[in-house]
Every structure is written in C-alpha cells, then in structure tokens.
C-alpha cells in the first residue's frame, strides 16, 4: 500500500529533521564566529523548509491537511529527540560542550551525509512519483548542506 509505506517514510525522517534543527540551534548559540553562526542559521532554515516539503507532500498524497504541528498531529512522536543516524539530540549537545568547532563541524558533515543517503534511499523506495521527486530534491539540498559545511570546515583550519 502506497500510503502506508509513505507514512512509514515520514515517521523515519520527520524526527530526524526536527532533531537536526534542535542540535543546530544548540551549537549555533555556542559558536563564536559570526560566519559560522550565519551558516547554522541557513541550515536551520533549510531544515524548516524540509519539514514544510514533507507536510505538503503528505497533504498531496493523503488528502487531509497536515496542520501546523506536522508530523505530530498525524503520527506519534518518538520517545526521545533524535537526529540523523538515530543520534540522541541531548547526548550530542552534551558531547559538543567541550569540543572544538572543527569537531562539531565534522559531526555535522557526517550527519548530513547520513541524511543525504537516507533521502536517496527513500526516493528509490516510494511508489509515488511526487514523493520520489520530493525525496530526491531533499537529497540534493542535503548535498548542498554538506558542501556548505565542508567550506566552513576548511576555513577553520
């Protein structure tokens, strides 16, 4: 069933986007360099846009309005906040407290690569052409995020 499969895909990725956004807020506040803060702001904005894309896709495929609290209003919330790779957001924030910005950027690049891979896989697995195009576009955005993080990382060396 296409819809059931889609719901499972959304359940897998919506918490990832929310968790990544939470982590980026935390490390953005800790960053000293304004260029890094600005880059984190840009990444946060993109994570919010990803959530909007998923909400619109949900509405297109399922019919009902997703609502402002999507996906919480449609799907159960996971037991704890996670980001890419099923990394616990609170644990990642705690880990980041005594790390250099290069360590944090290294982690963020690994997480972006993981999310890029996730979107590629999801795009190949869904039956809907519309869902596939959304997942493929999101994977392209994750690749751009990875390039942006790599550029920041190089500037810190």
Protein backbone atom coordinates (compact mmCIF):
# COMPACT_ATOMS: atom_id res chain seq x y z
CA UNK A 1 0.00 0.00 0.00
CA UNK A 2 1.49 3.32 -1.11
CA UNK A 3 0.06 5.42 1.70
CA UNK A 4 1.15 3.10 4.50
CA UNK A 5 4.62 2.97 3.03
CA UNK A 6 4.70 6.75 2.79
CA UNK A 7 3.63 7.15 6.42
CA UNK A 8 6.50 4.88 7.45
CA UNK A 9 8.94 7.01 5.45
CA UNK A 10 7.65 10.21 7.04
CA UNK A 11 7.89 8.63 10.50
CA UNK A 12 11.53 7.84 9.76
CA UNK A 13 12.56 11.29 8.59
CA UNK A 14 10.42 13.89 10.33
CA UNK A 15 12.06 13.35 13.72
CA UNK A 16 15.45 13.48 12.00
CA UNK A 17 14.74 16.96 10.62
CA UNK A 18 13.37 18.17 13.96
CA UNK A 19 16.30 16.71 15.87
CA UNK A 20 18.84 18.18 13.48
CA UNK A 21 17.20 21.56 13.85
CA UNK A 22 17.36 21.33 17.66
CA UNK A 23 21.04 20.40 17.56
CA UNK A 24 21.87 23.21 15.14
CA UNK A 25 20.16 25.73 17.46
CA UNK A 26 22.28 24.48 20.34
CA UNK A 27 25.62 24.61 18.53
CA UNK A 28 24.74 27.90 16.84
CA UNK A 29 24.42 29.50 20.26
CA UNK A 30 27.83 28.14 21.24
CA UNK A 31 29.63 29.26 18.06
CA UNK A 32 31.90 32.28 18.41
CA UNK A 33 32.43 33.11 14.72
CA UNK A 34 29.62 35.10 13.03
CA UNK A 35 30.11 33.35 9.66
CA UNK A 36 29.59 30.00 11.38
CA UNK A 37 26.52 31.32 13.20
CA UNK A 38 25.12 32.58 9.89
CA UNK A 39 25.76 29.23 8.23
CA UNK A 40 23.99 27.44 11.05
CA UNK A 41 21.04 29.84 10.65
CA UNK A 42 20.89 28.95 6.97
CA UNK A 43 20.94 25.22 7.77
CA UNK A 44 18.18 25.68 10.36
CA UNK A 45 16.05 27.48 7.78
CA UNK A 46 16.58 24.62 5.33
CA UNK A 47 15.55 22.05 7.95
CA UNK A 48 12.33 24.02 8.47
CA UNK A 49 11.77 24.07 4.70
CA UNK A 50 12.30 20.30 4.55
CA UNK A 51 9.56 19.85 7.13
CA UNK A 52 7.26 22.07 5.05
CA UNK A 53 8.02 19.99 1.93
CA UNK A 54 7.13 16.83 3.79
CA UNK A 55 3.91 18.40 5.09
CA UNK A 56 2.85 19.46 1.59
CA UNK A 57 3.70 16.03 0.23
CA UNK A 58 1.62 14.42 2.97
CA UNK A 59 -1.34 16.62 2.04
CA UNK A 60 -0.93 15.87 -1.67
CA UNK A 61 -0.88 12.10 -1.17
CA UNK A 62 -3.22 11.57 1.76
CA UNK A 63 -5.76 14.37 1.31
CA UNK A 64 -6.19 15.82 4.84
CA UNK A 65 -4.39 18.95 5.88
CA UNK A 66 -1.24 18.11 7.80
CA UNK A 67 -1.56 21.06 10.18
CA UNK A 68 1.00 23.30 11.85
CA UNK A 69 2.18 20.57 14.20
CA UNK A 70 3.01 18.11 11.38
CA UNK A 71 4.00 15.33 11.83
CA UNK A 72 2.95 15.24 15.49
CA UNK A 73 -0.71 15.74 14.66
CA UNK A 74 -0.62 12.83 12.21
CA UNK A 75 1.99 10.44 13.55
CA UNK A 76 3.09 9.52 17.07
CA UNK A 77 6.11 11.39 18.44
CA UNK A 78 9.18 9.23 19.01
CA UNK A 79 10.08 8.60 22.66
CA UNK A 80 13.12 10.91 22.52
CA UNK A 81 14.60 13.55 20.20
CA UNK A 82 16.87 12.06 17.57
CA UNK A 83 18.70 13.33 14.54
CA UNK A 84 20.40 11.61 11.61
CA UNK A 85 21.90 8.25 12.42
CA UNK A 86 19.48 7.92 15.37
CA UNK A 87 21.83 10.11 17.41
CA UNK A 88 20.20 11.41 20.59
CA UNK A 89 19.97 15.21 20.46
CA UNK A 90 20.61 15.72 24.20
CA UNK A 91 23.63 13.40 24.07
CA UNK A 92 25.01 15.21 21.02
CA UNK A 93 24.53 18.61 22.65
CA UNK A 94 26.25 17.38 25.80
CA UNK A 95 29.10 15.90 23.73
CA UNK A 96 29.53 19.22 21.88
CA UNK A 97 30.01 21.34 25.01
CA UNK A 98 33.74 20.72 25.33
CA UNK A 99 34.54 20.22 21.63
CA UNK A 100 36.28 22.47 19.15
CA UNK A 101 34.20 23.84 16.29
CA UNK A 102 36.08 21.55 13.88
CA UNK A 103 34.85 18.52 15.85
CA UNK A 104 31.28 19.81 15.74
CA UNK A 105 31.53 20.53 12.01
CA UNK A 106 32.95 17.04 11.47
CA UNK A 107 29.93 15.55 13.24
CA UNK A 108 27.52 17.76 11.28
CA UNK A 109 29.11 16.69 7.98
CA UNK A 110 28.75 13.03 8.94
CA UNK A 111 25.10 13.61 9.86
CA UNK A 112 24.39 15.48 6.62
CA UNK A 113 25.98 12.63 4.63
CA UNK A 114 23.77 10.20 6.53
CA UNK A 115 20.64 12.24 5.80
CA UNK A 116 21.64 12.62 2.14
CA UNK A 117 21.89 8.85 1.90
CA UNK A 118 18.55 8.40 3.71
CA UNK A 119 16.72 10.69 1.27
CA UNK A 120 18.28 8.92 -1.72
CA UNK A 121 17.14 5.56 -0.39
CA UNK A 122 13.65 6.82 0.38
CA UNK A 123 13.39 8.36 -3.09
CA UNK A 124 14.18 4.99 -4.63
CA UNK A 125 11.71 3.10 -2.44
CA UNK A 126 8.49 5.11 -2.72
CA UNK A 127 5.96 4.28 -5.42
CA UNK A 128 4.63 7.82 -5.88
CA UNK A 129 6.39 9.94 -8.50
CA UNK A 130 5.60 13.06 -6.45
CA UNK A 131 7.08 11.58 -3.28
CA UNK A 132 10.13 10.40 -5.22
CA UNK A 133 10.74 13.87 -6.63
CA UNK A 134 10.44 15.46 -3.18
CA UNK A 135 12.89 12.99 -1.63
CA UNK A 136 15.34 13.44 -4.50
CA UNK A 137 15.15 17.23 -4.17
CA UNK A 138 15.72 16.93 -0.42
CA UNK A 139 18.77 14.74 -1.09
CA UNK A 140 20.17 17.44 -3.40
CA UNK A 141 19.67 20.01 -0.65
CA UNK A 142 21.49 17.78 1.83
CA UNK A 143 24.39 17.56 -0.65
CA UNK A 144 24.49 21.37 -0.76
CA UNK A 145 24.46 21.49 3.05
CA UNK A 146 27.39 19.09 3.08
CA UNK A 147 29.31 21.34 0.68
CA UNK A 148 28.50 24.38 2.84
CA UNK A 149 29.74 22.64 5.99
CA UNK A 150 32.90 21.46 4.21
CA UNK A 151 33.61 25.03 3.13
CA UNK A 152 33.20 26.29 6.71
CA UNK A 153 35.36 23.45 7.97
CA UNK A 154 38.17 24.35 5.54
CA UNK A 155 38.07 27.99 6.70
CA UNK A 156 38.60 26.92 10.30
CA UNK A 157 41.81 25.01 9.53
